[in-house]
């Protein structure tokens, strides 16, 4: 039925536009005991989108459900919530829920989609530096943000700021060290 074995739980990360086959088990709500899994919901993102088109099928005590690649392609990169609800007669419970990080499908993404905003701004500032030397340009606009400078030194300072931000993103650490000073209690200076 599946080209790959279905996952036994929602993954933490999935690439947009890829098939997501699942074999979900809920010990309190086994399919073999008459429980039915409603189509699991994946929702969130900007703009918000909700996917509920996967149809679960009982498989022993578990449920097989597949989110088609075309449906998963509708999800924008970012964090999305998911929920699995079960029913039996007039009872309805949330069997499980969580979040799912959707990564961009780089085969269909626009150029630069894998870059952070800081990386894009840094690239543009470096380009502007080259243009400034030749043309005297003193401002730029990107992603709705205007940046202006008066001198090449100002532009170089901005480049340095964004180089630091990009370096911090890449190492996963804070943007800058926190410096603090302390004095002993009771002594005023």
Protein backbone atom coordinates (compact mmCIF):
# COMPACT_ATOMS: atom_id res chain seq x y z
CA UNK A 1 0.00 0.00 0.00
CA UNK A 2 2.83 2.44 0.90
CA UNK A 3 6.15 2.92 -0.88
CA UNK A 4 7.69 3.45 2.57
CA UNK A 5 6.63 2.19 5.98
CA UNK A 6 4.18 4.60 7.60
CA UNK A 7 5.41 6.57 10.60
CA UNK A 8 3.95 5.56 13.96
CA UNK A 9 3.58 9.19 15.09
CA UNK A 10 3.49 12.65 13.58
CA UNK A 11 7.10 13.70 12.87
CA UNK A 12 8.60 16.87 14.32
CA UNK A 13 9.68 18.03 10.84
CA UNK A 14 8.21 17.45 7.39
CA UNK A 15 9.01 19.00 4.00
CA UNK A 16 6.08 20.77 2.33
CA UNK A 17 4.79 18.85 -0.67
CA UNK A 18 5.84 15.40 0.53
CA UNK A 19 3.51 12.49 1.30
CA UNK A 20 2.98 11.86 5.01
CA UNK A 21 1.89 8.23 5.66
CA UNK A 22 0.98 7.47 9.29
CA UNK A 23 -0.05 4.41 11.29
CA UNK A 24 -1.43 5.90 14.48
CA UNK A 25 -2.21 3.89 17.60
CA UNK A 26 -4.06 5.14 20.66
CA UNK A 27 -4.09 2.49 23.42
CA UNK A 28 -7.18 4.02 25.08
CA UNK A 29 -9.03 4.20 21.75
CA UNK A 30 -8.23 1.11 19.63
CA UNK A 31 -9.89 0.77 16.25
CA UNK A 32 -10.57 -2.89 17.08
CA UNK A 33 -12.82 -1.71 19.94
CA UNK A 34 -15.07 0.33 17.63
CA UNK A 35 -13.28 3.69 17.85
CA UNK A 36 -13.16 5.78 14.69
CA UNK A 37 -10.45 8.31 13.94
CA UNK A 38 -11.74 11.55 12.43
CA UNK A 39 -9.56 12.93 9.64
CA UNK A 40 -6.61 14.41 11.55
CA UNK A 41 -6.27 18.16 11.26
CA UNK A 42 -3.11 20.11 10.46
CA UNK A 43 -3.57 23.85 10.74
CA UNK A 44 -1.64 27.05 11.20
CA UNK A 45 0.90 29.06 9.28
CA UNK A 46 0.69 32.44 7.65
CA UNK A 47 -1.77 32.73 6.05
CA UNK A 48 -3.62 30.11 8.13
CA UNK A 49 -4.51 26.89 6.34
CA UNK A 50 -6.28 23.77 7.56
CA UNK A 51 -5.88 20.30 6.07
CA UNK A 52 -8.42 17.61 6.96
CA UNK A 53 -8.60 15.65 3.70
CA UNK A 54 -6.78 12.50 4.83
CA UNK A 55 -9.23 9.64 5.38
CA UNK A 56 -8.25 7.22 8.18
CA UNK A 57 -8.72 3.47 7.75
CA UNK A 58 -8.81 0.96 10.63
CA UNK A 59 -5.85 -1.47 10.62
CA UNK A 60 -6.20 -3.87 13.54
CA UNK A 61 -6.12 -1.66 16.63
CA UNK A 62 -4.39 1.20 14.76
CA UNK A 63 -5.44 3.68 12.07
CA UNK A 64 -3.76 4.20 8.69
CA UNK A 65 -3.93 7.74 7.37
CA UNK A 66 -2.05 9.41 4.52
CA UNK A 67 -1.72 13.10 3.85
CA UNK A 68 -1.22 13.40 0.08
CA UNK A 69 1.72 15.36 -1.29
CA UNK A 70 -0.64 17.81 -3.02
CA UNK A 71 -2.34 18.59 0.30
CA UNK A 72 0.96 18.93 2.16
CA UNK A 73 2.16 21.35 -0.55
CA UNK A 74 -0.50 23.80 0.67
CA UNK A 75 1.32 24.22 3.99
CA UNK A 76 3.61 27.23 4.25
CA UNK A 77 6.95 26.76 6.00
CA UNK A 78 6.70 27.26 9.75
CA UNK A 79 5.11 25.74 12.82
CA UNK A 80 1.68 24.08 12.47
CA UNK A 81 -0.58 22.44 15.05
CA UNK A 82 -2.13 19.01 14.54
CA UNK A 83 -4.84 17.11 16.37
CA UNK A 84 -6.27 13.58 16.23
CA UNK A 85 -9.85 13.13 17.44
CA UNK A 86 -11.60 9.81 17.97
CA UNK A 87 -15.29 8.98 18.21
CA UNK A 88 -17.42 6.05 19.32
CA UNK A 89 -21.20 6.32 19.48
CA UNK A 90 -21.85 9.70 21.12
CA UNK A 91 -18.35 10.00 22.66
CA UNK A 92 -15.63 12.21 21.15
CA UNK A 93 -12.11 12.69 22.53
CA UNK A 94 -8.84 14.24 21.48
CA UNK A 95 -6.55 11.22 21.33
CA UNK A 96 -3.36 13.19 20.66
CA UNK A 97 -2.10 16.56 19.48
CA UNK A 98 1.15 18.39 18.93
CA UNK A 99 3.03 20.62 16.57
CA UNK A 100 4.78 20.02 13.31
CA UNK A 101 7.52 22.11 11.72
CA UNK A 102 7.07 22.39 7.96
CA UNK A 103 10.21 23.09 5.93
CA UNK A 104 10.16 24.61 2.46
CA UNK A 105 10.38 22.27 -0.51
CA UNK A 106 13.60 23.62 -2.02
CA UNK A 107 12.79 22.07 -5.40
CA UNK A 108 9.82 24.44 -5.79
CA UNK A 109 10.84 27.34 -3.53
CA UNK A 110 11.86 30.74 -4.83
CA UNK A 111 15.54 31.69 -4.92
CA UNK A 112 16.65 32.68 -1.44
CA UNK A 113 13.76 30.91 0.33
CA UNK A 114 16.21 29.07 2.57
CA UNK A 115 17.85 32.32 3.67
CA UNK A 116 16.81 34.11 6.82
CA UNK A 117 15.68 37.72 6.61
CA UNK A 118 19.04 38.80 8.09
CA UNK A 119 20.92 36.88 5.39
CA UNK A 120 18.83 38.51 2.66
CA UNK A 121 19.38 42.00 4.14
CA UNK A 122 23.14 41.38 4.44
CA UNK A 123 23.34 40.26 0.80
CA UNK A 124 21.43 43.36 -0.30
CA UNK A 125 23.60 45.68 1.83
CA UNK A 126 26.75 44.21 0.28
CA UNK A 127 25.24 44.77 -3.16
CA UNK A 128 24.32 48.33 -2.19
CA UNK A 129 27.89 48.92 -1.01
CA UNK A 130 29.16 48.05 -4.48
CA UNK A 131 26.52 50.30 -6.07
CA UNK A 132 27.17 53.15 -3.61
CA UNK A 133 30.80 53.34 -4.59
CA UNK A 134 29.76 53.83 -8.21
CA UNK A 135 26.49 55.77 -7.92
CA UNK A 136 26.28 57.55 -4.58
CA UNK A 137 23.03 55.77 -3.58
CA UNK A 138 22.13 56.30 0.10
CA UNK A 139 19.09 54.12 0.84
CA UNK A 140 17.30 50.87 0.08
CA UNK A 141 14.00 49.17 0.86
CA UNK A 142 13.50 45.45 1.47
CA UNK A 143 10.58 43.47 2.89
CA UNK A 144 8.83 46.73 3.75
CA UNK A 145 11.81 48.06 5.72
CA UNK A 146 13.67 51.17 4.59
CA UNK A 147 17.35 51.49 5.44
CA UNK A 148 19.27 54.73 4.88
CA UNK A 149 22.87 55.83 5.36
CA UNK A 150 24.83 59.00 4.75
CA UNK A 151 28.37 57.79 4.32
CA UNK A 152 30.20 54.65 3.29
CA UNK A 153 31.21 54.26 6.94
CA UNK A 154 27.51 54.17 7.92
CA UNK A 155 26.89 51.51 5.29
CA UNK A 156 29.90 49.50 6.49
CA UNK A 157 28.56 49.74 10.08
CA UNK A 158 25.18 48.36 8.91
CA UNK A 159 26.97 45.54 7.09
CA UNK A 160 28.84 44.74 10.30
CA UNK A 161 25.59 44.66 12.30
CA UNK A 162 23.98 42.23 9.86
CA UNK A 163 27.14 40.09 9.64
CA UNK A 164 26.93 39.71 13.44
CA UNK A 165 23.24 38.80 13.28
CA UNK A 166 23.84 36.19 10.58
CA UNK A 167 26.80 34.71 12.50
CA UNK A 168 24.66 34.47 15.65
CA UNK A 169 21.85 32.74 13.73
CA UNK A 170 24.26 30.22 12.27
CA UNK A 171 25.76 29.29 15.63
CA UNK A 172 22.35 29.29 17.30
CA UNK A 173 23.47 31.63 20.06
CA UNK A 174 22.50 35.05 21.33
CA UNK A 175 22.96 38.06 19.11
CA UNK A 176 25.44 39.77 21.43
CA UNK A 177 27.07 39.16 24.81
CA UNK A 178 25.36 40.70 27.80
CA UNK A 179 27.71 42.95 29.75
CA UNK A 180 26.89 43.86 33.35
CA UNK A 181 28.66 45.63 36.18
CA UNK A 182 28.03 45.34 39.90
CA UNK A 183 28.93 47.43 42.92
CA UNK A 184 28.88 46.46 46.56
CA UNK A 185 25.82 47.38 48.57
CA UNK A 186 26.11 50.59 50.54
CA UNK A 187 28.75 52.21 48.36
CA UNK A 188 27.68 55.07 46.13
CA UNK A 189 30.00 56.45 43.51
